[in-house]
Amino acid sequence: MTRREWFRLVSGAALAAVFRSRARSASLSWSEAARPESPLERHYRADAQVLILSIPLLHRAGVGGGRVSWRETTDADGGALRLLEFVGFSDPKRAAGLNRLGFVKELVRLSANRLDEALYFGLMTSSPEESAEDARKALHSTASEVVYSAIEGRAAVGDAATRRVHFTASSKLSASQWSELETLARQALAGSNPRTPEFDPRSACPATFLETMAEMLHRRTEEGRYVYDGRIYRLSLHRAPDAKSTAYFRERGMTSGVVIRVNGRLRREAGGREFDFRLWVEEGAARPLPLRIEYQAKSYLRLTFEAA
């Protein structure tokens, strides 16, 4: 190799490294969500259990469905883009006319397994019912419009921003018209004012909820922190092998390994109400998508998402 060829080779490698560094330093945007590949996806059947004074009163299977997806792509320097999504929805034909949905997605940029920046977006039907009687009155509603809540935010070192808004849309829209609902939500968010975070973003770069959950399940850690709506939350996970669920999911051909039950609890770091949930995952899975998700959405309603 001549001296000139060697110089060109070294210069080219240096320039490529500079361009990669500049690309990473640019603000993350949702347009990059199209880049993640190698998708892993799981679909669910949603079951509902009505409770009165914490006593199960009524159980109905197949009142809706859900989906969890994990997509990512990596580059030669070990950086990665990861897109995580969760959607849950009711089927009005199976849920006495109730048309409810919730959706959250997160796009994170990682560098050498360290979070550089994260975006999150969420949308859900507003459910003001606080009692079983309120829920009964909401069945077979004839309202032409329903209220939705939407949120979007960013978390990075030295930067945190969030917006939250309520808007109305046709009651006939469902999870199958997700793109239309997302467009309406983003239009409403564009006209809202950013909220001031309740923490100093210069002190840390907290991860987002799904990303924190994924990393804790993968690394088998018990405590984590994440940011949502300009606030810091704490998440704790406690694991235990579940022989009954292991046999059940093996029989269904969903796993050949050991299934563990994960008891989760989250709460706002500044204090407030705690929220409990349970997950069942395959122990040691590289991408631990739940086999079952269970949580109490209301004091009178417990929802279970079972892998289909």
C-alpha atoms as a PDB file:
ATOM      1  CA  MET A   1       0.000   0.000   0.000  1.00  0.00           C
ATOM      2  CA  THR A   2       1.374   3.389  -0.964  1.00  0.00           C
ATOM      3  CA  ARG A   3       1.541   6.311   1.470  1.00  0.00           C
ATOM      4  CA  ARG A   4      -1.224   8.098  -0.470  1.00  0.00           C
ATOM      5  CA  GLU A   5      -3.539   5.051  -0.376  1.00  0.00           C
ATOM      6  CA  TRP A   6      -2.933   4.660   3.354  1.00  0.00           C
ATOM      7  CA  PHE A   7      -3.741   8.352   3.964  1.00  0.00           C
ATOM      8  CA  ARG A   8      -6.991   8.067   1.975  1.00  0.00           C
ATOM      9  CA  LEU A   9      -8.019   4.976   3.945  1.00  0.00           C
ATOM     10  CA  VAL A  10      -7.372   6.595   7.338  1.00  0.00           C
ATOM     11  CA  SER A  11      -9.038   9.861   6.326  1.00  0.00           C
ATOM     12  CA  GLY A  12     -12.099   8.037   5.049  1.00  0.00           C
ATOM     13  CA  ALA A  13     -12.485   6.084   8.296  1.00  0.00           C
ATOM     14  CA  ALA A  14     -12.117   9.264  10.363  1.00  0.00           C
ATOM     15  CA  LEU A  15     -14.721  11.110   8.319  1.00  0.00           C
ATOM     16  CA  ALA A  16     -17.140   8.190   8.604  1.00  0.00           C
ATOM     17  CA  ALA A  17     -16.741   8.218  12.386  1.00  0.00           C
ATOM     18  CA  VAL A  18     -17.420  11.972  12.491  1.00  0.00           C
ATOM     19  CA  PHE A  19     -20.563  11.601  10.376  1.00  0.00           C
ATOM     20  CA  ARG A  20     -21.821   8.765  12.591  1.00  0.00           C
ATOM     21  CA  SER A  21     -21.183  10.864  15.707  1.00  0.00           C
ATOM     22  CA  ARG A  22     -23.025  13.834  14.216  1.00  0.00           C
ATOM     23  CA  ALA A  23     -25.939  11.621  13.196  1.00  0.00           C
ATOM     24  CA  ARG A  24     -26.241  10.346  16.760  1.00  0.00           C
ATOM     25  CA  SER A  25     -26.022  13.823  18.285  1.00  0.00           C
ATOM     26  CA  ALA A  26     -28.960  15.010  16.165  1.00  0.00           C
ATOM     27  CA  SER A  27     -32.306  14.996  17.918  1.00  0.00           C
ATOM     28  CA  LEU A  28     -34.207  11.742  17.646  1.00  0.00           C
ATOM     29  CA  SER A  29     -37.404  11.960  15.588  1.00  0.00           C
ATOM     30  CA  TRP A  30     -40.328   9.633  14.873  1.00  0.00           C
ATOM     31  CA  SER A  31     -39.267   9.497  11.216  1.00  0.00           C
ATOM     32  CA  GLU A  32     -36.514   7.131  12.378  1.00  0.00           C
ATOM     33  CA  ALA A  33     -39.122   4.663  13.630  1.00  0.00           C
ATOM     34  CA  ALA A  34     -39.142   3.152  10.136  1.00  0.00           C
ATOM     35  CA  ARG A  35     -35.518   2.009  10.550  1.00  0.00           C
ATOM     36  CA  PRO A  36     -35.832  -0.661  13.268  1.00  0.00           C
ATOM     37  CA  GLU A  37     -36.027  -4.166  11.818  1.00  0.00           C
ATOM     38  CA  SER A  38     -35.950  -7.761  13.113  1.00  0.00           C
ATOM     39  CA  PRO A  39     -39.517  -7.533  14.462  1.00  0.00           C
ATOM     40  CA  LEU A  40     -40.832  -9.716  17.253  1.00  0.00           C
ATOM     41  CA  GLU A  41     -44.565  -9.498  17.893  1.00  0.00           C
ATOM     42  CA  ARG A  42     -47.120 -11.199  20.115  1.00  0.00           C
ATOM     43  CA  HIS A  43     -50.906 -10.952  19.953  1.00  0.00           C
ATOM     44  CA  TYR A  44     -53.300 -11.385  22.879  1.00  0.00           C
ATOM     45  CA  ARG A  45     -56.872 -12.203  23.764  1.00  0.00           C
ATOM     46  CA  ALA A  46     -58.305  -9.857  26.386  1.00  0.00           C
ATOM     47  CA  ASP A  47     -60.465 -11.292  29.179  1.00  0.00           C
ATOM     48  CA  ALA A  48     -62.386  -9.230  31.743  1.00  0.00           C
ATOM     49  CA  GLN A  49     -63.367  -9.998  35.319  1.00  0.00           C
ATOM     50  CA  VAL A  50     -65.874  -7.826  37.191  1.00  0.00           C
ATOM     51  CA  LEU A  51     -65.239  -7.439  40.923  1.00  0.00           C
ATOM     52  CA  ILE A  52     -67.516  -6.308  43.710  1.00  0.00           C
ATOM     53  CA  LEU A  53     -65.687  -5.495  46.965  1.00  0.00           C
ATOM     54  CA  SER A  54     -62.669  -7.329  45.486  1.00  0.00           C
ATOM     55  CA  ILE A  55     -64.760 -10.502  45.044  1.00  0.00           C
ATOM     56  CA  PRO A  56     -64.886 -11.894  41.473  1.00  0.00           C
ATOM     57  CA  LEU A  57     -68.468 -11.673  40.242  1.00  0.00           C
ATOM     58  CA  LEU A  58     -68.375 -12.159  36.484  1.00  0.00           C
ATOM     59  CA  HIS A  59     -65.763 -13.399  34.013  1.00  0.00           C
ATOM     60  CA  ARG A  60     -65.923 -13.057  30.261  1.00  0.00           C
ATOM     61  CA  ALA A  61     -63.266 -14.210  27.784  1.00  0.00           C
ATOM     62  CA  GLY A  62     -62.457 -12.544  24.494  1.00  0.00           C
ATOM     63  CA  VAL A  63     -63.824  -9.064  25.209  1.00  0.00           C
ATOM     64  CA  GLY A  64     -60.993  -7.584  23.151  1.00  0.00           C
ATOM     65  CA  GLY A  65     -57.387  -8.072  22.172  1.00  0.00           C
ATOM     66  CA  GLY A  66     -53.912  -6.633  22.282  1.00  0.00           C
ATOM     67  CA  ARG A  67     -50.456  -6.646  20.756  1.00  0.00           C
ATOM     68  CA  VAL A  68     -46.871  -6.154  21.943  1.00  0.00           C
ATOM     69  CA  SER A  69     -44.032  -5.599  19.479  1.00  0.00           C
ATOM     70  CA  TRP A  70     -40.263  -5.202  19.769  1.00  0.00           C
ATOM     71  CA  ARG A  71     -38.217  -4.003  16.782  1.00  0.00           C
ATOM     72  CA  GLU A  72     -34.634  -2.814  16.643  1.00  0.00           C
ATOM     73  CA  THR A  73     -31.638  -2.286  14.421  1.00  0.00           C
ATOM     74  CA  THR A  74     -27.956  -1.943  15.295  1.00  0.00           C
ATOM     75  CA  ASP A  75     -24.970  -0.337  13.599  1.00  0.00           C
ATOM     76  CA  ALA A  76     -21.310  -1.281  13.403  1.00  0.00           C
ATOM     77  CA  ASP A  77     -20.442   0.813  16.464  1.00  0.00           C
ATOM     78  CA  GLY A  78     -22.823  -1.020  18.759  1.00  0.00           C
ATOM     79  CA  GLY A  79     -25.472   1.692  18.735  1.00  0.00           C
ATOM     80  CA  ALA A  80     -29.107   0.734  18.331  1.00  0.00           C
ATOM     81  CA  LEU A  81     -32.560   2.085  17.673  1.00  0.00           C
ATOM     82  CA  ARG A  82     -35.344   0.238  19.493  1.00  0.00           C
ATOM     83  CA  LEU A  83     -39.080   0.597  18.925  1.00  0.00           C
ATOM     84  CA  LEU A  84     -41.437  -0.861  21.556  1.00  0.00           C
ATOM     85  CA  GLU A  85     -45.238  -0.827  21.295  1.00  0.00           C
ATOM     86  CA  PHE A  86     -48.247  -1.989  23.270  1.00  0.00           C
ATOM     87  CA  VAL A  87     -51.895  -1.742  22.235  1.00  0.00           C
ATOM     88  CA  GLY A  88     -54.995  -3.015  24.019  1.00  0.00           C
ATOM     89  CA  PHE A  89     -58.575  -2.662  22.847  1.00  0.00           C
ATOM     90  CA  SER A  90     -62.107  -3.860  23.451  1.00  0.00           C
ATOM     91  CA  ASP A  91     -64.439  -5.464  20.922  1.00  0.00           C
ATOM     92  CA  PRO A  92     -67.799  -3.659  21.228  1.00  0.00           C
ATOM     93  CA  LYS A  93     -69.604  -6.795  20.019  1.00  0.00           C
ATOM     94  CA  ARG A  94     -68.105  -8.779  22.903  1.00  0.00           C
ATOM     95  CA  ALA A  95     -67.963  -5.983  25.489  1.00  0.00           C
ATOM     96  CA  ALA A  96     -71.598  -4.880  25.611  1.00  0.00           C
ATOM     97  CA  GLY A  97     -70.974  -1.978  23.263  1.00  0.00           C
ATOM     98  CA  LEU A  98     -67.915  -0.567  25.049  1.00  0.00           C
ATOM     99  CA  ASN A  99     -65.363   0.804  22.588  1.00  0.00           C
ATOM    100  CA  ARG A 100     -62.117   1.328  24.487  1.00  0.00           C
ATOM    101  CA  LEU A 101     -58.497   1.357  23.373  1.00  0.00           C
ATOM    102  CA  GLY A 102     -55.090   2.252  24.707  1.00  0.00           C
ATOM    103  CA  PHE A 103     -51.800   2.523  22.850  1.00  0.00           C
ATOM    104  CA  VAL A 104     -48.229   3.456  23.752  1.00  0.00           C
ATOM    105  CA  LYS A 105     -45.057   3.383  21.711  1.00  0.00           C
ATOM    106  CA  GLU A 106     -41.481   4.339  22.473  1.00  0.00           C
ATOM    107  CA  LEU A 107     -38.465   4.943  20.261  1.00  0.00           C
ATOM    108  CA  VAL A 108     -35.094   4.913  22.013  1.00  0.00           C
ATOM    109  CA  ARG A 109     -31.538   5.405  20.825  1.00  0.00           C
ATOM    110  CA  LEU A 110     -28.886   3.374  22.617  1.00  0.00           C
ATOM    111  CA  SER A 111     -25.114   3.751  22.500  1.00  0.00           C
ATOM    112  CA  ALA A 112     -23.041   0.905  23.931  1.00  0.00           C
ATOM    113  CA  ASN A 113     -26.114  -0.224  25.936  1.00  0.00           C
ATOM    114  CA  ARG A 114     -26.564   3.279  27.336  1.00  0.00           C
ATOM    115  CA  LEU A 115     -29.694   5.298  26.658  1.00  0.00           C
ATOM    116  CA  ASP A 116     -28.973   8.485  24.709  1.00  0.00           C
ATOM    117  CA  GLU A 117     -32.482   9.684  23.966  1.00  0.00           C
ATOM    118  CA  ALA A 118     -36.083   8.465  24.032  1.00  0.00           C
ATOM    119  CA  LEU A 119     -39.420   9.502  22.557  1.00  0.00           C
ATOM    120  CA  TYR A 120     -42.811   8.288  23.756  1.00  0.00           C
ATOM    121  CA  PHE A 121     -46.352   8.669  22.492  1.00  0.00           C
ATOM    122  CA  GLY A 122     -49.583   7.422  24.058  1.00  0.00           C
ATOM    123  CA  LEU A 123     -53.259   7.520  23.249  1.00  0.00           C
ATOM    124  CA  MET A 124     -56.237   6.112  25.129  1.00  0.00           C
ATOM    125  CA  THR A 125     -59.979   6.441  25.433  1.00  0.00           C
ATOM    126  CA  SER A 126     -60.922   8.470  28.489  1.00  0.00           C
ATOM    127  CA  SER A 127     -62.809   6.225  30.898  1.00  0.00           C
ATOM    128  CA  PRO A 128     -64.407   8.378  33.628  1.00  0.00           C
ATOM    129  CA  GLU A 129     -66.336   5.481  35.203  1.00  0.00           C
ATOM    130  CA  GLU A 130     -65.334   5.086  38.844  1.00  0.00           C
ATOM    131  CA  SER A 131     -67.775   2.373  39.932  1.00  0.00           C
ATOM    132  CA  ALA A 132     -69.451  -0.716  38.562  1.00  0.00           C
ATOM    133  CA  GLU A 133     -72.708   1.254  38.393  1.00  0.00           C
ATOM    134  CA  ASP A 134     -71.019   3.950  36.292  1.00  0.00           C
ATOM    135  CA  ALA A 135     -69.681   1.235  33.996  1.00  0.00           C
ATOM    136  CA  ARG A 136     -73.135  -0.340  33.659  1.00  0.00           C
ATOM    137  CA  LYS A 137     -74.580   3.005  32.551  1.00  0.00           C
ATOM    138  CA  ALA A 138     -71.816   3.335  29.916  1.00  0.00           C
ATOM    139  CA  LEU A 139     -72.810   0.065  28.244  1.00  0.00           C
ATOM    140  CA  HIS A 140     -74.486   0.322  24.837  1.00  0.00           C
ATOM    141  CA  SER A 141     -73.776   4.061  24.719  1.00  0.00           C
ATOM    142  CA  THR A 142     -75.384   5.984  21.847  1.00  0.00           C
ATOM    143  CA  ALA A 143     -72.991   8.966  22.035  1.00  0.00           C
ATOM    144  CA  SER A 144     -71.687  10.045  18.633  1.00  0.00           C
ATOM    145  CA  GLU A 145     -68.321  11.187  20.046  1.00  0.00           C
ATOM    146  CA  VAL A 146     -65.937  10.034  22.744  1.00  0.00           C
ATOM    147  CA  VAL A 147     -63.065  11.777  24.541  1.00  0.00           C
ATOM    148  CA  TYR A 148     -59.472  10.637  24.074  1.00  0.00           C
ATOM    149  CA  SER A 149     -56.322  11.501  26.015  1.00  0.00           C
ATOM    150  CA  ALA A 150     -53.003  11.815  24.185  1.00  0.00           C
ATOM    151  CA  ILE A 151     -49.465  12.413  25.381  1.00  0.00           C
ATOM    152  CA  GLU A 152     -46.037  12.721  23.811  1.00  0.00           C
ATOM    153  CA  GLY A 153     -42.662  13.350  25.356  1.00  0.00           C
ATOM    154  CA  ARG A 154     -38.907  13.311  25.015  1.00  0.00           C
ATOM    155  CA  ALA A 155     -36.202  12.326  27.493  1.00  0.00           C
ATOM    156  CA  ALA A 156     -32.505  13.000  26.998  1.00  0.00           C
ATOM    157  CA  VAL A 157     -29.522  14.167  29.031  1.00  0.00           C
ATOM    158  CA  GLY A 158     -30.196  17.822  29.801  1.00  0.00           C
ATOM    159  CA  ASP A 159     -33.559  17.829  28.057  1.00  0.00           C
ATOM    160  CA  ALA A 160     -37.061  16.693  28.940  1.00  0.00           C
ATOM    161  CA  ALA A 161     -40.298  17.804  27.310  1.00  0.00           C
ATOM    162  CA  THR A 162     -43.873  16.596  27.352  1.00  0.00           C
ATOM    163  CA  ARG A 163     -47.315  17.576  26.044  1.00  0.00           C
ATOM    164  CA  ARG A 164     -50.712  16.238  27.063  1.00  0.00           C
ATOM    165  CA  VAL A 165     -54.139  16.946  25.614  1.00  0.00           C
ATOM    166  CA  HIS A 166     -57.752  15.759  25.469  1.00  0.00           C
ATOM    167  CA  PHE A 167     -59.699  15.717  22.213  1.00  0.00           C
ATOM    168  CA  THR A 168     -62.940  14.279  20.831  1.00  0.00           C
ATOM    169  CA  ALA A 169     -63.420  11.913  17.912  1.00  0.00           C
ATOM    170  CA  SER A 170     -66.154   9.759  16.442  1.00  0.00           C
ATOM    171  CA  SER A 171     -67.313   6.955  18.715  1.00  0.00           C
ATOM    172  CA  LYS A 172     -67.300   4.623  15.701  1.00  0.00           C
ATOM    173  CA  LEU A 173     -63.514   4.732  15.361  1.00  0.00           C
ATOM    174  CA  SER A 174     -61.795   1.628  16.688  1.00  0.00           C
ATOM    175  CA  ALA A 175     -58.334   0.073  16.870  1.00  0.00           C
ATOM    176  CA  SER A 176     -58.554  -0.796  13.156  1.00  0.00           C
ATOM    177  CA  GLN A 177     -58.556   2.962  12.400  1.00  0.00           C
ATOM    178  CA  TRP A 178     -55.456   3.544  14.472  1.00  0.00           C
ATOM    179  CA  SER A 179     -53.664   5.725  11.881  1.00  0.00           C
ATOM    180  CA  GLU A 180     -56.636   8.116  11.724  1.00  0.00           C
ATOM    181  CA  LEU A 181     -56.759   8.373  15.522  1.00  0.00           C
ATOM    182  CA  GLU A 182     -53.022   8.994  15.715  1.00  0.00           C
ATOM    183  CA  THR A 183     -53.312  11.796  13.151  1.00  0.00           C
ATOM    184  CA  LEU A 184     -56.090  13.458  15.179  1.00  0.00           C
ATOM    185  CA  ALA A 185     -54.050  13.077  18.375  1.00  0.00           C
ATOM    186  CA  ARG A 186     -50.933  14.642  16.860  1.00  0.00           C
ATOM    187  CA  GLN A 187     -52.961  17.550  15.491  1.00  0.00           C
ATOM    188  CA  ALA A 188     -54.370  18.183  18.971  1.00  0.00           C
ATOM    189  CA  LEU A 189     -50.934  17.876  20.591  1.00  0.00           C
ATOM    190  CA  ALA A 190     -49.413  20.352  18.133  1.00  0.00           C
ATOM    191  CA  GLY A 191     -51.708  23.043  19.484  1.00  0.00           C
ATOM    192  CA  SER A 192     -50.962  22.353  23.159  1.00  0.00           C
ATOM    193  CA  ASN A 193     -48.369  23.966  25.411  1.00  0.00           C
ATOM    194  CA  PRO A 194     -45.366  21.997  26.698  1.00  0.00           C
ATOM    195  CA  ARG A 195     -45.407  21.087  30.387  1.00  0.00           C
ATOM    196  CA  THR A 196     -42.516  21.975  32.688  1.00  0.00           C
ATOM    197  CA  PRO A 197     -40.842  18.810  34.024  1.00  0.00           C
ATOM    198  CA  GLU A 198     -40.932  18.236  37.770  1.00  0.00           C
ATOM    199  CA  PHE A 199     -37.278  17.200  37.854  1.00  0.00           C
ATOM    200  CA  ASP A 200     -33.947  18.601  36.700  1.00  0.00           C
ATOM    201  CA  PRO A 201     -33.181  16.949  33.316  1.00  0.00           C
ATOM    202  CA  ARG A 202     -29.516  17.951  33.662  1.00  0.00           C
ATOM    203  CA  SER A 203     -29.053  15.471  36.478  1.00  0.00           C
ATOM    204  CA  ALA A 204     -29.933  12.290  34.582  1.00  0.00           C
ATOM    205  CA  CYS A 205     -31.570  10.755  31.539  1.00  0.00           C
ATOM    206  CA  PRO A 206     -34.342   8.523  32.859  1.00  0.00           C
ATOM    207  CA  ALA A 207     -35.641   5.930  30.437  1.00  0.00           C
ATOM    208  CA  THR A 208     -39.244   5.539  29.336  1.00  0.00           C
ATOM    209  CA  PHE A 209     -41.655   2.978  30.790  1.00  0.00           C
ATOM    210  CA  LEU A 210     -41.557   0.170  28.208  1.00  0.00           C
ATOM    211  CA  GLU A 211     -37.794   0.523  27.751  1.00  0.00           C
ATOM    212  CA  THR A 212     -37.215   0.352  31.508  1.00  0.00           C
ATOM    213  CA  MET A 213     -39.479  -2.703  31.762  1.00  0.00           C
ATOM    214  CA  ALA A 214     -37.713  -4.447  28.875  1.00  0.00           C
ATOM    215  CA  GLU A 215     -34.241  -3.831  30.322  1.00  0.00           C
ATOM    216  CA  MET A 216     -35.255  -4.907  33.819  1.00  0.00           C
ATOM    217  CA  LEU A 217     -36.781  -8.142  32.521  1.00  0.00           C
ATOM    218  CA  HIS A 218     -33.748  -8.842  30.339  1.00  0.00           C
ATOM    219  CA  ARG A 219     -31.131  -8.019  32.984  1.00  0.00           C
ATOM    220  CA  ARG A 220     -33.195  -9.433  35.878  1.00  0.00           C
ATOM    221  CA  THR A 221     -32.918  -6.266  37.952  1.00  0.00           C
ATOM    222  CA  GLU A 222     -35.499  -5.425  40.605  1.00  0.00           C
ATOM    223  CA  GLU A 223     -35.573  -1.615  40.724  1.00  0.00           C
ATOM    224  CA  GLY A 224     -35.751   0.988  37.970  1.00  0.00           C
ATOM    225  CA  ARG A 225     -36.749   4.582  37.219  1.00  0.00           C
ATOM    226  CA  TYR A 226     -38.483   6.103  34.233  1.00  0.00           C
ATOM    227  CA  VAL A 227     -39.977   9.397  33.106  1.00  0.00           C
ATOM    228  CA  TYR A 228     -43.579   9.996  32.088  1.00  0.00           C
ATOM    229  CA  ASP A 229     -45.464  13.266  31.709  1.00  0.00           C
ATOM    230  CA  GLY A 230     -42.535  15.238  33.114  1.00  0.00           C
ATOM    231  CA  ARG A 231     -42.416  13.145  36.305  1.00  0.00           C
ATOM    232  CA  ILE A 232     -40.079  10.470  37.607  1.00  0.00           C
ATOM    233  CA  TYR A 233     -41.585   7.094  38.506  1.00  0.00           C
ATOM    234  CA  ARG A 234     -40.113   4.075  40.257  1.00  0.00           C
ATOM    235  CA  LEU A 235     -40.708   0.535  39.047  1.00  0.00           C
ATOM    236  CA  SER A 236     -40.051  -2.615  41.074  1.00  0.00           C
ATOM    237  CA  LEU A 237     -40.219  -6.207  39.818  1.00  0.00           C
ATOM    238  CA  HIS A 238     -40.143  -9.419  41.853  1.00  0.00           C
ATOM    239  CA  ARG A 239     -39.827 -12.787  40.118  1.00  0.00           C
ATOM    240  CA  ALA A 240     -40.758 -16.347  41.014  1.00  0.00           C
ATOM    241  CA  PRO A 241     -40.917 -19.554  38.938  1.00  0.00           C
ATOM    242  CA  ASP A 242     -44.499 -20.575  38.139  1.00  0.00           C
ATOM    243  CA  ALA A 243     -44.752 -24.338  37.611  1.00  0.00           C
ATOM    244  CA  LYS A 244     -48.453 -24.270  36.717  1.00  0.00           C
ATOM    245  CA  SER A 245     -48.019 -21.590  34.046  1.00  0.00           C
ATOM    246  CA  THR A 246     -44.891 -23.329  32.740  1.00  0.00           C
ATOM    247  CA  ALA A 247     -46.893 -26.513  32.152  1.00  0.00           C
ATOM    248  CA  TYR A 248     -49.794 -24.538  30.651  1.00  0.00           C
ATOM    249  CA  PHE A 249     -47.727 -22.589  28.114  1.00  0.00           C
ATOM    250  CA  ARG A 250     -45.599 -25.627  27.247  1.00  0.00           C
ATOM    251  CA  GLU A 251     -48.761 -27.590  26.505  1.00  0.00           C
ATOM    252  CA  ARG A 252     -49.881 -24.810  24.193  1.00  0.00           C
ATOM    253  CA  GLY A 253     -46.506 -24.819  22.416  1.00  0.00           C
ATOM    254  CA  MET A 254     -45.762 -21.232  23.482  1.00  0.00           C
ATOM    255  CA  THR A 255     -42.470 -22.049  25.215  1.00  0.00           C
ATOM    256  CA  SER A 256     -40.046 -24.849  25.943  1.00  0.00           C
ATOM    257  CA  GLY A 257     -38.463 -23.087  28.900  1.00  0.00           C
ATOM    258  CA  VAL A 258     -39.426 -22.075  32.424  1.00  0.00           C
ATOM    259  CA  VAL A 259     -42.129 -19.452  32.888  1.00  0.00           C
ATOM    260  CA  ILE A 260     -41.708 -16.959  35.700  1.00  0.00           C
ATOM    261  CA  ARG A 261     -44.368 -14.769  37.275  1.00  0.00           C
ATOM    262  CA  VAL A 262     -43.292 -11.150  37.691  1.00  0.00           C
ATOM    263  CA  ASN A 263     -45.100  -9.050  40.291  1.00  0.00           C
ATOM    264  CA  GLY A 264     -44.676  -5.406  39.360  1.00  0.00           C
ATOM    265  CA  ARG A 265     -45.363  -2.206  41.218  1.00  0.00           C
ATOM    266  CA  LEU A 266     -44.959   1.365  40.020  1.00  0.00           C
ATOM    267  CA  ARG A 267     -45.392   4.670  41.778  1.00  0.00           C
ATOM    268  CA  ARG A 268     -44.533   8.303  41.339  1.00  0.00           C
ATOM    269  CA  GLU A 269     -41.191   9.069  42.980  1.00  0.00           C
ATOM    270  CA  ALA A 270     -42.619  12.166  44.692  1.00  0.00           C
ATOM    271  CA  GLY A 271     -45.329  10.000  46.250  1.00  0.00           C
ATOM    272  CA  GLY A 272     -48.846   8.978  45.387  1.00  0.00           C
ATOM    273  CA  ARG A 273     -50.947   5.946  44.555  1.00  0.00           C
ATOM    274  CA  GLU A 274     -49.180   2.686  43.780  1.00  0.00           C
ATOM    275  CA  PHE A 275     -50.177   0.571  40.818  1.00  0.00           C
ATOM    276  CA  ASP A 276     -49.728  -3.221  40.790  1.00  0.00           C
ATOM    277  CA  PHE A 277     -49.628  -5.599  37.847  1.00  0.00           C
ATOM    278  CA  ARG A 278     -48.388  -9.072  36.942  1.00  0.00           C
ATOM    279  CA  LEU A 279     -46.535 -10.479  33.943  1.00  0.00           C
ATOM    280  CA  TRP A 280     -45.622 -14.004  32.911  1.00  0.00           C
ATOM    281  CA  VAL A 281     -42.479 -14.312  30.773  1.00  0.00           C
ATOM    282  CA  GLU A 282     -40.092 -17.012  29.639  1.00  0.00           C
ATOM    283  CA  GLU A 283     -37.004 -17.004  31.833  1.00  0.00           C
ATOM    284  CA  GLY A 284     -33.836 -15.953  29.995  1.00  0.00           C
ATOM    285  CA  ALA A 285     -35.604 -14.781  26.818  1.00  0.00           C
ATOM    286  CA  ALA A 286     -33.501 -12.292  24.831  1.00  0.00           C
ATOM    287  CA  ARG A 287     -36.643 -10.281  24.078  1.00  0.00           C
ATOM    288  CA  PRO A 288     -38.985 -11.045  26.972  1.00  0.00           C
ATOM    289  CA  LEU A 289     -42.421 -10.390  25.473  1.00  0.00           C
ATOM    290  CA  PRO A 290     -45.045 -11.384  28.071  1.00  0.00           C
ATOM    291  CA  LEU A 291     -47.045 -14.580  27.710  1.00  0.00           C
ATOM    292  CA  ARG A 292     -49.696 -13.068  29.964  1.00  0.00           C
ATOM    293  CA  ILE A 293     -50.394  -9.573  31.338  1.00  0.00           C
ATOM    294  CA  GLU A 294     -52.758  -8.964  34.232  1.00  0.00           C
ATOM    295  CA  TYR A 295     -53.725  -5.729  35.962  1.00  0.00           C
ATOM    296  CA  GLN A 296     -56.667  -4.071  37.666  1.00  0.00           C
ATOM    297  CA  ALA A 297     -57.791  -1.258  35.382  1.00  0.00           C
ATOM    298  CA  LYS A 298     -60.497  -0.084  37.825  1.00  0.00           C
ATOM    299  CA  SER A 299     -61.537  -1.012  41.339  1.00  0.00           C
ATOM    300  CA  TYR A 300     -64.264  -3.164  39.794  1.00  0.00           C
ATOM    301  CA  LEU A 301     -62.430  -4.432  36.685  1.00  0.00           C
ATOM    302  CA  ARG A 302     -59.491  -6.798  36.230  1.00  0.00           C
ATOM    303  CA  LEU A 303     -58.101  -7.330  32.730  1.00  0.00           C
ATOM    304  CA  THR A 304     -55.983 -10.231  31.518  1.00  0.00           C
ATOM    305  CA  PHE A 305     -54.170 -10.332  28.170  1.00  0.00           C
ATOM    306  CA  GLU A 306     -53.462 -13.950  27.244  1.00  0.00           C
ATOM    307  CA  ALA A 307     -51.027 -14.789  24.428  1.00  0.00           C
ATOM    308  CA  ALA A 308     -53.011 -15.995  21.430  1.00  0.00           C
END
